[in-house]
C-alpha atoms as a PDB file:
ATOM      1  CA  UNK A   1     111.630  13.456  46.660  1.00  0.00           C
ATOM      2  CA  UNK A   2     111.641  14.946  50.177  1.00  0.00           C
ATOM      3  CA  UNK A   3     112.658  18.564  50.607  1.00  0.00           C
ATOM      4  CA  UNK A   4     116.201  18.857  52.013  1.00  0.00           C
ATOM      5  CA  UNK A   5     116.559  20.203  55.505  1.00  0.00           C
ATOM      6  CA  UNK A   6     116.878  23.948  55.912  1.00  0.00           C
ATOM      7  CA  UNK A   7     118.755  26.214  55.786  1.00  0.00           C
ATOM      8  CA  UNK A   8     118.797  26.429  51.997  1.00  0.00           C
ATOM      9  CA  UNK A   9     121.383  28.676  50.314  1.00  0.00           C
ATOM     10  CA  UNK A  10     118.747  31.196  49.161  1.00  0.00           C
ATOM     11  CA  UNK A  11     120.330  34.370  47.813  1.00  0.00           C
ATOM     12  CA  UNK A  12     123.908  33.116  48.126  1.00  0.00           C
ATOM     13  CA  UNK A  13     126.335  33.004  45.209  1.00  0.00           C
ATOM     14  CA  UNK A  14     127.788  29.478  45.085  1.00  0.00           C
ATOM     15  CA  UNK A  15     130.726  28.599  42.835  1.00  0.00           C
ATOM     16  CA  UNK A  16     129.935  25.161  41.389  1.00  0.00           C
ATOM     17  CA  UNK A  17     132.690  25.001  38.758  1.00  0.00           C
ATOM     18  CA  UNK A  18     135.270  27.535  37.520  1.00  0.00           C
ATOM     19  CA  UNK A  19     132.944  29.223  35.025  1.00  0.00           C
ATOM     20  CA  UNK A  20     129.609  28.739  36.833  1.00  0.00           C
ATOM     21  CA  UNK A  21     127.952  30.190  39.915  1.00  0.00           C
ATOM     22  CA  UNK A  22     124.450  29.492  41.218  1.00  0.00           C
ATOM     23  CA  UNK A  23     121.976  31.724  43.087  1.00  0.00           C
ATOM     24  CA  UNK A  24     118.796  30.199  44.550  1.00  0.00           C
ATOM     25  CA  UNK A  25     115.599  32.252  44.334  1.00  0.00           C
ATOM     26  CA  UNK A  26     113.198  32.529  47.311  1.00  0.00           C
ATOM     27  CA  UNK A  27     110.292  30.714  45.611  1.00  0.00           C
ATOM     28  CA  UNK A  28     110.128  27.185  47.069  1.00  0.00           C
ATOM     29  CA  UNK A  29     106.962  25.179  46.458  1.00  0.00           C
ATOM     30  CA  UNK A  30     105.809  21.604  45.772  1.00  0.00           C
ATOM     31  CA  UNK A  31     106.441  22.423  42.101  1.00  0.00           C
ATOM     32  CA  UNK A  32     109.739  24.307  42.339  1.00  0.00           C
ATOM     33  CA  UNK A  33     111.464  22.298  45.107  1.00  0.00           C
ATOM     34  CA  UNK A  34     113.730  24.682  47.072  1.00  0.00           C
ATOM     35  CA  UNK A  35     113.272  27.375  44.403  1.00  0.00           C
ATOM     36  CA  UNK A  36     114.518  28.374  40.965  1.00  0.00           C
ATOM     37  CA  UNK A  37     118.275  28.214  40.492  1.00  0.00           C
ATOM     38  CA  UNK A  38     119.732  31.051  38.455  1.00  0.00           C
ATOM     39  CA  UNK A  39     123.169  30.439  36.943  1.00  0.00           C
ATOM     40  CA  UNK A  40     125.860  33.030  36.261  1.00  0.00           C
ATOM     41  CA  UNK A  41     128.345  31.917  33.605  1.00  0.00           C
ATOM     42  CA  UNK A  42     131.771  33.482  33.160  1.00  0.00           C
ATOM     43  CA  UNK A  43     133.769  35.985  35.144  1.00  0.00           C
ATOM     44  CA  UNK A  44     135.934  39.011  34.627  1.00  0.00           C
ATOM     45  CA  UNK A  45     134.896  41.127  31.659  1.00  0.00           C
ATOM     46  CA  UNK A  46     131.488  39.626  30.860  1.00  0.00           C
ATOM     47  CA  UNK A  47     128.953  37.105  32.111  1.00  0.00           C
ATOM     48  CA  UNK A  48     125.690  35.456  31.089  1.00  0.00           C
ATOM     49  CA  UNK A  49     122.734  34.925  33.419  1.00  0.00           C
ATOM     50  CA  UNK A  50     120.663  31.782  32.771  1.00  0.00           C
ATOM     51  CA  UNK A  51     117.060  31.569  33.995  1.00  0.00           C
ATOM     52  CA  UNK A  52     116.915  34.844  35.940  1.00  0.00           C
ATOM     53  CA  UNK A  53     113.884  33.523  37.816  1.00  0.00           C
ATOM     54  CA  UNK A  54     110.887  35.238  39.399  1.00  0.00           C
ATOM     55  CA  UNK A  55     110.501  39.013  39.587  1.00  0.00           C
ATOM     56  CA  UNK A  56     111.297  39.171  43.300  1.00  0.00           C
ATOM     57  CA  UNK A  57     113.262  42.229  44.505  1.00  0.00           C
ATOM     58  CA  UNK A  58     115.172  40.063  46.994  1.00  0.00           C
ATOM     59  CA  UNK A  59     116.304  37.700  44.242  1.00  0.00           C
ATOM     60  CA  UNK A  60     117.168  40.449  41.764  1.00  0.00           C
ATOM     61  CA  UNK A  61     119.208  42.165  44.469  1.00  0.00           C
ATOM     62  CA  UNK A  62     121.066  38.915  45.176  1.00  0.00           C
ATOM     63  CA  UNK A  63     121.823  38.520  41.460  1.00  0.00           C
ATOM     64  CA  UNK A  64     123.151  42.056  41.160  1.00  0.00           C
ATOM     65  CA  UNK A  65     125.350  41.500  44.228  1.00  0.00           C
ATOM     66  CA  UNK A  66     126.690  38.289  42.703  1.00  0.00           C
ATOM     67  CA  UNK A  67     127.350  39.952  39.338  1.00  0.00           C
ATOM     68  CA  UNK A  68     129.155  42.859  40.977  1.00  0.00           C
ATOM     69  CA  UNK A  69     131.180  44.960  38.532  1.00  0.00           C
ATOM     70  CA  UNK A  70     131.062  42.395  35.710  1.00  0.00           C
ATOM     71  CA  UNK A  71     129.264  43.354  32.514  1.00  0.00           C
ATOM     72  CA  UNK A  72     126.217  41.213  31.761  1.00  0.00           C
ATOM     73  CA  UNK A  73     126.433  40.251  28.083  1.00  0.00           C
ATOM     74  CA  UNK A  74     123.292  38.093  27.911  1.00  0.00           C
ATOM     75  CA  UNK A  75     120.262  37.170  29.984  1.00  0.00           C
ATOM     76  CA  UNK A  76     119.255  33.698  28.780  1.00  0.00           C
ATOM     77  CA  UNK A  77     115.876  32.071  29.465  1.00  0.00           C
ATOM     78  CA  UNK A  78     115.172  28.370  28.956  1.00  0.00           C
ATOM     79  CA  UNK A  79     111.403  28.952  28.782  1.00  0.00           C
ATOM     80  CA  UNK A  80     108.769  31.373  29.926  1.00  0.00           C
ATOM     81  CA  UNK A  81     107.046  29.830  32.920  1.00  0.00           C
ATOM     82  CA  UNK A  82     106.731  32.506  35.535  1.00  0.00           C
ATOM     83  CA  UNK A  83     109.315  30.984  37.872  1.00  0.00           C
ATOM     84  CA  UNK A  84     111.987  31.308  35.157  1.00  0.00           C
ATOM     85  CA  UNK A  85     111.793  34.438  33.004  1.00  0.00           C
ATOM     86  CA  UNK A  86     110.014  37.380  34.729  1.00  0.00           C
ATOM     87  CA  UNK A  87     113.218  38.692  36.329  1.00  0.00           C
ATOM     88  CA  UNK A  88     114.736  39.090  32.846  1.00  0.00           C
ATOM     89  CA  UNK A  89     113.111  42.485  32.260  1.00  0.00           C
ATOM     90  CA  UNK A  90     114.144  44.188  35.527  1.00  0.00           C
ATOM     91  CA  UNK A  91     117.613  42.649  35.302  1.00  0.00           C
ATOM     92  CA  UNK A  92     117.963  43.948  31.738  1.00  0.00           C
ATOM     93  CA  UNK A  93     116.851  47.372  32.914  1.00  0.00           C
ATOM     94  CA  UNK A  94     119.428  47.353  35.726  1.00  0.00           C
ATOM     95  CA  UNK A  95     122.340  46.075  33.638  1.00  0.00           C
ATOM     96  CA  UNK A  96     121.588  47.113  30.049  1.00  0.00           C
ATOM     97  CA  UNK A  97     122.003  43.489  28.943  1.00  0.00           C
ATOM     98  CA  UNK A  98     120.051  41.943  26.048  1.00  0.00           C
ATOM     99  CA  UNK A  99     117.570  39.130  26.695  1.00  0.00           C
ATOM    100  CA  UNK A 100     118.653  36.216  24.528  1.00  0.00           C
ATOM    101  CA  UNK A 101     117.175  32.735  24.442  1.00  0.00           C
ATOM    102  CA  UNK A 102     113.778  31.112  24.053  1.00  0.00           C
ATOM    103  CA  UNK A 103     110.987  32.493  21.924  1.00  0.00           C
ATOM    104  CA  UNK A 104     108.111  34.377  23.566  1.00  0.00           C
ATOM    105  CA  UNK A 105     104.998  32.364  24.293  1.00  0.00           C
ATOM    106  CA  UNK A 106     101.747  33.665  25.758  1.00  0.00           C
ATOM    107  CA  UNK A 107      99.426  30.747  26.315  1.00  0.00           C
ATOM    108  CA  UNK A 108      96.599  30.283  28.791  1.00  0.00           C
ATOM    109  CA  UNK A 109      97.156  27.205  30.923  1.00  0.00           C
ATOM    110  CA  UNK A 110      94.145  25.873  32.808  1.00  0.00           C
ATOM    111  CA  UNK A 111      96.179  23.306  34.707  1.00  0.00           C
ATOM    112  CA  UNK A 112      96.516  23.441  38.515  1.00  0.00           C
ATOM    113  CA  UNK A 113     100.223  24.258  38.622  1.00  0.00           C
ATOM    114  CA  UNK A 114     101.551  26.984  40.871  1.00  0.00           C
ATOM    115  CA  UNK A 115     104.335  27.824  38.426  1.00  0.00           C
ATOM    116  CA  UNK A 116     102.690  27.015  35.105  1.00  0.00           C
ATOM    117  CA  UNK A 117     101.290  30.379  34.057  1.00  0.00           C
ATOM    118  CA  UNK A 118     103.357  31.809  31.243  1.00  0.00           C
ATOM    119  CA  UNK A 119     105.218  35.091  31.455  1.00  0.00           C
ATOM    120  CA  UNK A 120     103.236  37.177  28.977  1.00  0.00           C
ATOM    121  CA  UNK A 121     105.577  40.164  29.454  1.00  0.00           C
ATOM    122  CA  UNK A 122     108.669  38.345  28.197  1.00  0.00           C
ATOM    123  CA  UNK A 123     110.276  40.309  25.338  1.00  0.00           C
ATOM    124  CA  UNK A 124     113.525  38.810  24.034  1.00  0.00           C
ATOM    125  CA  UNK A 125     116.058  40.931  22.208  1.00  0.00           C
ATOM    126  CA  UNK A 126     117.143  37.878  20.227  1.00  0.00           C
ATOM    127  CA  UNK A 127     115.630  34.402  19.897  1.00  0.00           C
ATOM    128  CA  UNK A 128     118.090  31.525  19.648  1.00  0.00           C
ATOM    129  CA  UNK A 129     117.349  28.604  17.350  1.00  0.00           C
ATOM    130  CA  UNK A 130     118.741  25.106  17.821  1.00  0.00           C
ATOM    131  CA  UNK A 131     122.538  25.200  17.511  1.00  0.00           C
ATOM    132  CA  UNK A 132     122.876  28.993  17.636  1.00  0.00           C
ATOM    133  CA  UNK A 133     125.400  30.492  20.041  1.00  0.00           C
ATOM    134  CA  UNK A 134     125.935  33.384  22.389  1.00  0.00           C
ATOM    135  CA  UNK A 135     129.419  33.974  23.761  1.00  0.00           C
ATOM    136  CA  UNK A 136     131.595  36.014  26.083  1.00  0.00           C
ATOM    137  CA  UNK A 137     135.343  36.368  26.634  1.00  0.00           C
ATOM    138  CA  UNK A 138     135.734  32.926  28.254  1.00  0.00           C
ATOM    139  CA  UNK A 139     132.456  31.097  27.564  1.00  0.00           C
ATOM    140  CA  UNK A 140     130.228  29.933  24.731  1.00  0.00           C
ATOM    141  CA  UNK A 141     126.618  28.849  25.192  1.00  0.00           C
ATOM    142  CA  UNK A 142     124.934  26.776  22.494  1.00  0.00           C
ATOM    143  CA  UNK A 143     121.149  26.551  22.320  1.00  0.00           C
ATOM    144  CA  UNK A 144     119.748  23.003  22.360  1.00  0.00           C
ATOM    145  CA  UNK A 145     116.057  23.001  21.428  1.00  0.00           C
ATOM    146  CA  UNK A 146     114.141  20.682  23.776  1.00  0.00           C
ATOM    147  CA  UNK A 147     110.394  21.195  23.283  1.00  0.00           C
ATOM    148  CA  UNK A 148     107.977  19.150  25.344  1.00  0.00           C
ATOM    149  CA  UNK A 149     107.673  20.657  28.828  1.00  0.00           C
ATOM    150  CA  UNK A 150     106.849  23.789  26.841  1.00  0.00           C
ATOM    151  CA  UNK A 151     106.999  24.290  23.098  1.00  0.00           C
ATOM    152  CA  UNK A 152     109.644  27.030  23.459  1.00  0.00           C
ATOM    153  CA  UNK A 153     112.003  25.212  25.852  1.00  0.00           C
ATOM    154  CA  UNK A 154     115.759  25.471  25.291  1.00  0.00           C
ATOM    155  CA  UNK A 155     118.719  23.989  27.103  1.00  0.00           C
ATOM    156  CA  UNK A 156     122.104  25.709  26.988  1.00  0.00           C
ATOM    157  CA  UNK A 157     125.386  23.832  26.499  1.00  0.00           C
ATOM    158  CA  UNK A 158     128.560  25.383  27.895  1.00  0.00           C
ATOM    159  CA  UNK A 159     131.181  24.394  25.317  1.00  0.00           C
ATOM    160  CA  UNK A 160     134.179  25.052  27.542  1.00  0.00           C
ATOM    161  CA  UNK A 161     133.212  22.622  30.315  1.00  0.00           C
ATOM    162  CA  UNK A 162     130.708  20.128  28.901  1.00  0.00           C
ATOM    163  CA  UNK A 163     127.916  21.321  31.201  1.00  0.00           C
ATOM    164  CA  UNK A 164     124.299  21.530  30.053  1.00  0.00           C
ATOM    165  CA  UNK A 165     121.809  23.900  31.689  1.00  0.00           C
ATOM    166  CA  UNK A 166     118.569  21.929  31.438  1.00  0.00           C
ATOM    167  CA  UNK A 167     115.912  24.289  32.794  1.00  0.00           C
ATOM    168  CA  UNK A 168     112.826  22.189  33.513  1.00  0.00           C
ATOM    169  CA  UNK A 169     113.391  19.607  30.769  1.00  0.00           C
ATOM    170  CA  UNK A 170     115.537  17.480  33.087  1.00  0.00           C
ATOM    171  CA  UNK A 171     115.466  18.308  36.787  1.00  0.00           C
ATOM    172  CA  UNK A 172     117.553  17.071  39.680  1.00  0.00           C
ATOM    173  CA  UNK A 173     114.670  16.219  41.990  1.00  0.00           C
ATOM    174  CA  UNK A 174     111.626  15.169  39.963  1.00  0.00           C
ATOM    175  CA  UNK A 175     110.359  14.363  36.508  1.00  0.00           C
ATOM    176  CA  UNK A 176     109.050  17.325  34.532  1.00  0.00           C
ATOM    177  CA  UNK A 177     105.339  18.007  34.169  1.00  0.00           C
ATOM    178  CA  UNK A 178     104.137  17.958  30.555  1.00  0.00           C
ATOM    179  CA  UNK A 179     100.910  19.947  30.602  1.00  0.00           C
ATOM    180  CA  UNK A 180      98.732  20.312  27.493  1.00  0.00           C
ATOM    181  CA  UNK A 181      97.762  22.294  25.555  1.00  0.00           C
ATOM    182  CA  UNK A 182     101.310  23.643  25.144  1.00  0.00           C
ATOM    183  CA  UNK A 183     103.130  20.696  26.715  1.00  0.00           C
ATOM    184  CA  UNK A 184     103.536  17.826  24.263  1.00  0.00           C
ATOM    185  CA  UNK A 185     104.510  14.290  25.304  1.00  0.00           C
ATOM    186  CA  UNK A 186     105.696  13.158  21.862  1.00  0.00           C
ATOM    187  CA  UNK A 187     107.963  16.223  21.631  1.00  0.00           C
ATOM    188  CA  UNK A 188     109.146  15.703  25.206  1.00  0.00           C
ATOM    189  CA  UNK A 189     110.147  12.093  24.519  1.00  0.00           C
ATOM    190  CA  UNK A 190     111.950  13.112  21.307  1.00  0.00           C
ATOM    191  CA  UNK A 191     113.839  15.783  23.285  1.00  0.00           C
ATOM    192  CA  UNK A 192     114.887  13.204  25.888  1.00  0.00           C
ATOM    193  CA  UNK A 193     116.200  10.962  23.110  1.00  0.00           C
ATOM    194  CA  UNK A 194     118.070  13.971  21.721  1.00  0.00           C
ATOM    195  CA  UNK A 195     119.810  14.541  25.062  1.00  0.00           C
ATOM    196  CA  UNK A 196     120.563  10.847  25.433  1.00  0.00           C
ATOM    197  CA  UNK A 197     122.495  10.988  22.155  1.00  0.00           C
ATOM    198  CA  UNK A 198     124.670  13.830  23.476  1.00  0.00           C
ATOM    199  CA  UNK A 199     127.782  13.481  25.640  1.00  0.00           C
ATOM    200  CA  UNK A 200     127.320  16.246  28.198  1.00  0.00           C
ATOM    201  CA  UNK A 201     129.439  15.889  31.329  1.00  0.00           C
ATOM    202  CA  UNK A 202     126.948  17.261  33.866  1.00  0.00           C
ATOM    203  CA  UNK A 203     123.458  18.786  33.936  1.00  0.00           C
ATOM    204  CA  UNK A 204     122.604  21.921  35.894  1.00  0.00           C
ATOM    205  CA  UNK A 205     118.807  22.023  36.231  1.00  0.00           C
ATOM    206  CA  UNK A 206     116.701  24.953  37.349  1.00  0.00           C
ATOM    207  CA  UNK A 207     115.435  22.896  40.292  1.00  0.00           C
ATOM    208  CA  UNK A 208     117.366  20.336  42.313  1.00  0.00           C
ATOM    209  CA  UNK A 209     120.951  19.200  42.485  1.00  0.00           C
ATOM    210  CA  UNK A 210     123.409  18.818  39.622  1.00  0.00           C
ATOM    211  CA  UNK A 211     123.084  15.589  37.652  1.00  0.00           C
ATOM    212  CA  UNK A 212     126.488  13.904  37.568  1.00  0.00           C
ATOM    213  CA  UNK A 213     125.457  10.925  35.388  1.00  0.00           C
ATOM    214  CA  UNK A 214     123.274  12.587  32.752  1.00  0.00           C
ATOM    215  CA  UNK A 215     122.812   9.766  30.247  1.00  0.00           C
ATOM    216  CA  UNK A 216     121.965   7.306  32.992  1.00  0.00           C
ATOM    217  CA  UNK A 217     119.285   9.648  34.332  1.00  0.00           C
ATOM    218  CA  UNK A 218     117.845  10.359  30.875  1.00  0.00           C
ATOM    219  CA  UNK A 219     117.677   6.637  30.106  1.00  0.00           C
ATOM    220  CA  UNK A 220     115.756   6.175  33.350  1.00  0.00           C
ATOM    221  CA  UNK A 221     113.415   9.059  32.505  1.00  0.00           C
ATOM    222  CA  UNK A 222     112.616   7.564  29.109  1.00  0.00           C
ATOM    223  CA  UNK A 223     111.897   4.214  30.787  1.00  0.00           C
ATOM    224  CA  UNK A 224     109.748   5.933  33.408  1.00  0.00           C
ATOM    225  CA  UNK A 225     107.579   7.601  30.766  1.00  0.00           C
ATOM    226  CA  UNK A 226     107.157   4.338  28.893  1.00  0.00           C
ATOM    227  CA  UNK A 227     106.138   2.693  32.161  1.00  0.00           C
ATOM    228  CA  UNK A 228     103.519   5.420  32.725  1.00  0.00           C
ATOM    229  CA  UNK A 229     102.154   4.775  29.239  1.00  0.00           C
ATOM    230  CA  UNK A 230     101.871   1.053  30.006  1.00  0.00           C
ATOM    231  CA  UNK A 231     100.085   1.874  33.282  1.00  0.00           C
ATOM    232  CA  UNK A 232      97.535   3.962  31.416  1.00  0.00           C
ATOM    233  CA  UNK A 233      96.892   1.227  28.863  1.00  0.00           C
ATOM    234  CA  UNK A 234      96.429  -1.356  31.651  1.00  0.00           C
ATOM    235  CA  UNK A 235      93.982   0.894  33.487  1.00  0.00           C
ATOM    236  CA  UNK A 236      91.989   1.389  30.295  1.00  0.00           C
ATOM    237  CA  UNK A 237      91.894  -2.398  29.859  1.00  0.00           C
ATOM    238  CA  UNK A 238      90.479  -2.622  33.399  1.00  0.00           C
ATOM    239  CA  UNK A 239      87.753  -0.111  32.537  1.00  0.00           C
ATOM    240  CA  UNK A 240      89.253   2.951  34.242  1.00  0.00           C
ATOM    241  CA  UNK A 241      88.419   5.591  31.656  1.00  0.00           C
ATOM    242  CA  UNK A 242      88.817   8.982  33.342  1.00  0.00           C
ATOM    243  CA  UNK A 243      91.988  10.779  34.381  1.00  0.00           C
ATOM    244  CA  UNK A 244      90.648  11.639  37.829  1.00  0.00           C
ATOM    245  CA  UNK A 245      90.321   7.913  38.564  1.00  0.00           C
ATOM    246  CA  UNK A 246      93.714   7.040  37.050  1.00  0.00           C
ATOM    247  CA  UNK A 247      95.866   9.480  39.013  1.00  0.00           C
ATOM    248  CA  UNK A 248      95.328   8.042  42.558  1.00  0.00           C
ATOM    249  CA  UNK A 249      96.206   4.568  41.274  1.00  0.00           C
ATOM    250  CA  UNK A 250      99.228   5.709  39.263  1.00  0.00           C
ATOM    251  CA  UNK A 251     100.699   8.124  41.825  1.00  0.00           C
ATOM    252  CA  UNK A 252     100.357   6.295  45.141  1.00  0.00           C
ATOM    253  CA  UNK A 253     102.610   7.859  47.731  1.00  0.00           C
ATOM    254  CA  UNK A 254     102.921  11.137  45.808  1.00  0.00           C
ATOM    255  CA  UNK A 255     101.942  14.354  47.606  1.00  0.00           C
ATOM    256  CA  UNK A 256      98.269  14.888  46.770  1.00  0.00           C
ATOM    257  CA  UNK A 257      99.013  18.556  46.106  1.00  0.00           C
ATOM    258  CA  UNK A 258     100.808  17.316  42.973  1.00  0.00           C
ATOM    259  CA  UNK A 259      97.937  15.176  41.691  1.00  0.00           C
ATOM    260  CA  UNK A 260      96.551  17.991  39.569  1.00  0.00           C
ATOM    261  CA  UNK A 261      99.884  18.346  37.786  1.00  0.00           C
ATOM    262  CA  UNK A 262     100.164  14.567  37.505  1.00  0.00           C
ATOM    263  CA  UNK A 263      96.785  14.551  35.794  1.00  0.00           C
ATOM    264  CA  UNK A 264      98.098  16.978  33.207  1.00  0.00           C
ATOM    265  CA  UNK A 265     100.945  14.605  32.364  1.00  0.00           C
ATOM    266  CA  UNK A 266      98.474  11.704  32.132  1.00  0.00           C
ATOM    267  CA  UNK A 267      96.460  13.817  29.704  1.00  0.00           C
ATOM    268  CA  UNK A 268      99.635  14.436  27.671  1.00  0.00           C
ATOM    269  CA  UNK A 269     100.227  10.678  27.472  1.00  0.00           C
ATOM    270  CA  UNK A 270      96.631  10.068  26.408  1.00  0.00           C
ATOM    271  CA  UNK A 271      96.808  12.724  23.694  1.00  0.00           C
ATOM    272  CA  UNK A 272     100.006  11.105  22.412  1.00  0.00           C
ATOM    273  CA  UNK A 273      98.322   7.679  22.415  1.00  0.00           C
ATOM    274  CA  UNK A 274      95.299   9.174  20.648  1.00  0.00           C
ATOM    275  CA  UNK A 275      97.506  10.661  17.931  1.00  0.00           C
ATOM    276  CA  UNK A 276      99.139   7.259  17.482  1.00  0.00           C
ATOM    277  CA  UNK A 277      95.765   5.546  17.072  1.00  0.00           C
ATOM    278  CA  UNK A 278      95.889   3.599  20.356  1.00  0.00           C
ATOM    279  CA  UNK A 279      93.014   5.294  22.213  1.00  0.00           C
ATOM    280  CA  UNK A 280      89.953   7.449  21.575  1.00  0.00           C
ATOM    281  CA  UNK A 281      87.917   9.830  23.702  1.00  0.00           C
ATOM    282  CA  UNK A 282      84.448  11.218  24.104  1.00  0.00           C
ATOM    283  CA  UNK A 283      84.658  14.373  26.212  1.00  0.00           C
ATOM    284  CA  UNK A 284      86.395  13.253  29.469  1.00  0.00           C
ATOM    285  CA  UNK A 285      86.106   9.518  28.825  1.00  0.00           C
ATOM    286  CA  UNK A 286      88.932   7.551  27.195  1.00  0.00           C
ATOM    287  CA  UNK A 287      88.819   4.117  25.594  1.00  0.00           C
ATOM    288  CA  UNK A 288      91.206   1.641  24.021  1.00  0.00           C
ATOM    289  CA  UNK A 289      91.021   1.137  20.284  1.00  0.00           C
ATOM    290  CA  UNK A 290      91.244  -2.390  18.902  1.00  0.00           C
END
């Protein structure tokens, strides 16, 4: 998807529904679109901050301005890629709020993603498991475990309005990269099916616009991944056996700066197919199994 025309609302507090405001971080890139969107839930006596974003003084200052005199009751992280969780620690220091959400995960990632290094400094006060809640005076957030993009990924459901904060699991501008060794395609597909079975009213992703027809989008994402799998199997039938040769044929028209990340998702598909007994590999070469 093309970047929208500037100016972007970087640093501004935007009210997107009665209980939810959004502040855009100044970290645009081919991987993060216009930047990471931090959400502030609630008003009055206490709020939650979802995906505080990168540790950028400009962004942290914008968040503190948006929060104003309200007490921060929870800083919630969907996962620990460095465009999502590093601001949690300085925001906690400034507000005294606990960091509540995904589990810590320190994992080397050798993939060519600008945002894919994990935040090794992330230290949650409390880890939420699937179905556990954190609440304030006028809001309740329920953790929805959605591993796949990362093994520790959570979404957060706002009970009072039917909104789901989807982090990077479902985005409003692009499909999510699933990058091994931590990213897992089988888990990602199961998490998509899990969301499809829900009845959320709207999705608020960390990147891109709100998703007003969530189940329709998720159905399309599941179909898209199945199509990618079929593409890979056809290429293997044609004798294309290495990821570097598959990506240009599978991602025609896609910004070449994203081909490295695309290759990681192809690898995730191949690992899934290998675990299901459909393909085998010798070093970097993949083959169909009879």
